[in-house]
Structure formats: C-alpha cells, structure tokens
Amino acid sequence: MEGISQVAAKTAEEWLADALPRRWTHVRAVAAKAQRLGMLVGDDKDLLIAAAWLHDVGYAPDLVDTGFHALDGGRWLVRQGFHRRLAGLVAHHSCASYEAAERGLAENLSTEFPREESPTSDALWYADMTTGPDGQDFTVTARLAEIRERYGPDDLVTRFWQKAEPALMEAVRRTQERMTNQPM
C-alpha cells in the first residue's frame, strides 16, 4: 500500500514535471529536504513529505483558478479527495496568508483552510524557503533576496515578502532550534 507521500510525489510529477520543469526541480529538492526534516515532526513525517511534493501544484497551468498558487493548489487537492489537513498545509505554506492579503483573497484562504501552526508547517516553510528555484540550498536570507531580485521591487510578491519576513524568520528559527535539539 502506498503512503500519502508516494501518491503526492506521483501527483506532483504528473502536473509539474513537463509543464513547469524548473518548478519541478525546486519541488523535488524541497521534498528531499522535507524527507531529511521528517524526524522533527514524529508521526507527521509522511504528511510533511507529501505537503512538500504538493506545495507548488497550484502553479500547474491547468489548475490555475485565482492565480494564487497556494489557494489554487489547496482547493484542487480537496476536489481530488486529498486530506483537508494536507490541503491546508499547501494552502498556507510559506506565509501564504500575507500573499492572500495582497491579492484580496485573505478571507477566502482563512475561511476555506484553517492555518496550522505546528512543527510540521514550520518544517514545510523551512524546506521551501531554504531551497532555490533550481533546487539549490539557500539560507532563508539568500532565498528572499533571490525572490526580490527575480520579481523586482514593485511586484506583489516582493511587497508581501516585506510584510511576511518576520513570520517566516520565526518559523525558520523554530525549525533550526528543533534541528539543534535533535541532530540529523
């Protein structure tokens, strides 16, 4: 019997590998990092890895609805019968509530998907935000700089990260503390 992370890996590959190869490279590296972080989340290891595989599925061209990948991905996962907790982790990954606010979708996001604050969500944010677009390892500071450079100073993405950075840094700090307390 396949675990949810194996199903998630196949699903992500189906929707991202051909359509968005660079995004697929990023997703594969995030999932590999989540695998290494799995010991930090106990029984949620498979869920963390599944969320890492699926965190960017909402970018798939055929799945875009609102243009906000986190919400589009979460909604699609629910329609496909994935567990709501997994869909919520995807919908809220990496400070998505800040981007939702910039896009006028904050109420939709918060109503449809409760935000989870847990070692699992922290580890997902850490894995995503310490992995570059080509799968390279970055510090979170370097990743934010890369995003700002890629999108430019006036883009919505740059604006939301200016507001979201303290929350992201706190999630990263908590994950790093857990890593220190449980050597990997």
Protein backbone atom coordinates (compact mmCIF):
# COMPACT_ATOMS: atom_id res chain seq x y z
CA MET A 1 0.00 0.00 0.00
CA GLU A 2 1.35 3.41 -0.97
CA GLY A 3 1.75 6.12 1.62
CA ILE A 4 0.46 9.62 1.01
CA SER A 5 3.94 10.89 0.21
CA GLN A 6 4.32 8.39 -2.66
CA VAL A 7 0.91 9.39 -4.06
CA ALA A 8 1.85 13.05 -3.66
CA ALA A 9 5.16 12.56 -5.49
CA LYS A 10 3.41 10.91 -8.45
CA THR A 11 0.73 13.60 -8.50
CA ALA A 12 3.25 16.43 -8.40
CA GLU A 13 5.30 14.85 -11.16
CA GLU A 14 2.21 14.42 -13.33
CA TRP A 15 1.25 18.09 -13.02
CA LEU A 16 4.63 19.82 -12.86
CA ALA A 17 7.45 17.82 -14.50
CA ASP A 18 6.59 18.55 -18.13
CA ALA A 19 4.57 21.74 -17.72
CA LEU A 20 6.99 23.55 -15.39
CA PRO A 21 10.39 21.80 -15.36
CA ARG A 22 12.16 24.48 -13.31
CA ARG A 23 9.38 24.43 -10.70
CA TRP A 24 9.61 20.63 -10.71
CA THR A 25 13.33 20.86 -9.93
CA HIS A 26 12.53 23.12 -6.96
CA VAL A 27 9.75 20.80 -5.74
CA ARG A 28 11.96 17.70 -5.90
CA ALA A 29 14.62 19.44 -3.80
CA VAL A 30 12.03 20.70 -1.28
CA ALA A 31 10.68 17.16 -0.93
CA ALA A 32 14.18 15.77 -0.40
CA LYS A 33 14.79 18.36 2.30
CA ALA A 34 11.44 17.53 3.93
CA GLN A 35 12.49 13.88 3.98
CA ARG A 36 15.59 14.86 5.97
CA LEU A 37 13.48 17.02 8.31
CA GLY A 38 10.96 14.24 8.90
CA MET A 39 12.45 13.20 12.24
CA LEU A 40 11.45 16.63 13.62
CA VAL A 41 7.72 16.01 13.17
CA GLY A 42 7.22 12.48 14.52
CA ASP A 43 4.12 10.82 13.11
CA ASP A 44 3.65 13.66 10.62
CA LYS A 45 6.72 12.70 8.57
CA ASP A 46 4.74 11.28 5.64
CA LEU A 47 2.37 14.27 5.74
CA LEU A 48 5.28 16.72 5.70
CA ILE A 49 6.86 14.99 2.72
CA ALA A 50 3.51 14.89 0.89
CA ALA A 51 2.98 18.61 1.51
CA ALA A 52 6.48 19.31 0.20
CA TRP A 53 5.75 17.39 -3.00
CA LEU A 54 2.44 19.22 -3.50
CA HIS A 55 3.20 22.71 -2.17
CA ASP A 56 3.51 24.24 -5.65
CA VAL A 57 0.99 22.13 -7.57
CA GLY A 58 -1.25 25.20 -7.84
CA TYR A 59 1.22 26.65 -10.36
CA ALA A 60 0.29 23.92 -12.88
CA PRO A 61 -1.26 25.80 -15.81
CA ASP A 62 -4.33 23.56 -15.97
CA LEU A 63 -5.03 24.03 -12.25
CA VAL A 64 -4.83 27.83 -12.06
CA ASP A 65 -8.08 29.40 -10.90
CA THR A 66 -7.41 32.56 -8.87
CA GLY A 67 -3.76 32.95 -9.89
CA PHE A 68 -2.74 32.45 -6.25
CA HIS A 69 -0.95 29.11 -6.34
CA ALA A 70 -1.29 28.24 -2.67
CA LEU A 71 -5.08 28.63 -2.65
CA ASP A 72 -5.50 27.08 -6.10
CA GLY A 73 -3.41 24.09 -5.03
CA GLY A 74 -5.26 23.63 -1.74
CA ARG A 75 -8.65 23.80 -3.45
CA TRP A 76 -7.60 21.36 -6.14
CA LEU A 77 -6.29 18.89 -3.56
CA VAL A 78 -9.64 18.95 -1.73
CA ARG A 79 -11.50 18.35 -5.01
CA GLN A 80 -9.21 15.39 -5.69
CA GLY A 81 -10.04 13.84 -2.32
CA PHE A 82 -6.76 14.56 -0.52
CA HIS A 83 -6.98 15.03 3.23
CA ARG A 84 -8.02 18.56 4.26
CA ARG A 85 -5.04 18.88 6.59
CA LEU A 86 -2.66 18.25 3.70
CA ALA A 87 -4.59 20.74 1.56
CA GLY A 88 -4.39 23.27 4.40
CA LEU A 89 -0.63 22.89 4.72
CA VAL A 90 -0.32 23.51 0.98
CA ALA A 91 -2.77 26.43 1.05
CA HIS A 92 -0.89 28.14 3.89
CA HIS A 93 2.71 27.25 3.05
CA SER A 94 5.43 29.86 3.35
CA CYS A 95 3.46 32.83 4.65
CA ALA A 96 0.66 32.42 2.10
CA SER A 97 -1.72 34.45 4.27
CA TYR A 98 0.36 37.55 3.51
CA GLU A 99 0.18 36.95 -0.23
CA ALA A 100 -3.55 36.25 0.07
CA ALA A 101 -4.00 39.65 1.71
CA GLU A 102 -2.11 41.36 -1.14
CA ARG A 103 -4.32 39.58 -3.66
CA GLY A 104 -7.60 40.31 -1.87
CA LEU A 105 -8.05 36.62 -1.06
CA ALA A 106 -7.33 36.59 2.68
CA GLU A 107 -10.91 35.84 3.67
CA ASN A 108 -11.18 33.03 1.11
CA LEU A 109 -7.97 31.44 2.35
CA SER A 110 -8.76 31.71 6.06
CA THR A 111 -12.37 30.56 5.64
CA GLU A 112 -11.56 27.57 3.47
CA PHE A 113 -8.37 26.43 5.19
CA PRO A 114 -7.56 26.89 8.87
CA ARG A 115 -3.94 27.91 9.33
CA GLU A 116 -1.90 25.31 11.15
CA GLU A 117 0.92 26.41 13.41
CA SER A 118 2.98 23.34 14.17
CA PRO A 119 6.42 21.81 13.76
CA THR A 120 5.06 20.29 10.52
CA SER A 121 4.06 23.63 8.99
CA ASP A 122 7.31 25.20 10.20
CA ALA A 123 9.35 22.42 8.59
CA LEU A 124 7.45 22.82 5.30
CA TRP A 125 8.13 26.57 5.28
CA TYR A 126 11.79 25.91 6.12
CA ALA A 127 12.18 23.33 3.33
CA ASP A 128 10.56 25.63 0.77
CA MET A 129 12.26 28.85 1.79
CA THR A 130 15.77 27.41 2.01
CA THR A 131 15.56 25.88 -1.47
CA GLY A 132 16.16 27.93 -4.59
CA PRO A 133 14.27 27.79 -7.87
CA ASP A 134 16.85 25.40 -9.33
CA GLY A 135 16.93 23.16 -6.26
CA GLN A 136 19.98 24.75 -4.69
CA ASP A 137 20.37 25.10 -0.92
CA PHE A 138 20.00 28.68 0.24
CA THR A 139 19.85 30.44 3.53
CA VAL A 140 16.44 31.98 4.02
CA THR A 141 18.03 35.43 3.64
CA ALA A 142 19.57 34.47 0.29
CA ARG A 143 16.26 32.95 -0.85
CA LEU A 144 14.36 36.14 -0.03
CA ALA A 145 16.99 38.20 -1.87
CA GLU A 146 16.68 35.90 -4.90
CA ILE A 147 12.88 36.27 -4.89
CA ARG A 148 13.09 40.05 -4.64
CA GLU A 149 15.58 40.20 -7.48
CA ARG A 150 13.55 37.85 -9.67
CA TYR A 151 10.25 39.72 -9.18
CA GLY A 152 11.53 43.28 -8.89
CA PRO A 153 10.85 45.96 -6.29
CA ASP A 154 7.25 46.81 -7.28
CA ASP A 155 5.83 43.31 -7.69
CA LEU A 156 3.08 41.98 -5.40
CA VAL A 157 5.36 39.09 -4.41
CA THR A 158 8.10 41.47 -3.25
CA ARG A 159 5.54 43.55 -1.34
CA PHE A 160 4.08 40.60 0.51
CA TRP A 161 7.53 39.27 1.48
CA GLN A 162 8.42 42.61 3.05
CA LYS A 163 5.47 42.13 5.38
CA ALA A 164 5.86 38.37 5.82
CA GLU A 165 9.58 38.19 6.51
CA PRO A 166 9.36 38.34 10.34
CA ALA A 167 6.85 35.46 10.45
CA LEU A 168 8.96 33.42 8.05
CA MET A 169 12.13 34.05 10.01
CA GLU A 170 10.39 32.91 13.20
CA ALA A 171 9.25 29.63 11.59
CA VAL A 172 12.78 29.07 10.27
CA ARG A 173 14.25 29.83 13.70
CA ARG A 174 11.90 27.33 15.37
CA THR A 175 12.85 24.65 12.84
CA GLN A 176 16.57 25.33 13.28
CA GLU A 177 16.12 25.08 17.04
CA ARG A 178 14.40 21.71 16.62
CA MET A 179 17.26 20.60 14.34
CA THR A 180 19.78 21.59 17.02
CA ASN A 181 17.84 19.70 19.70
CA GLN A 182 17.54 16.59 17.51
CA PRO A 183 20.69 16.13 15.44
CA MET A 184 20.02 14.99 11.93
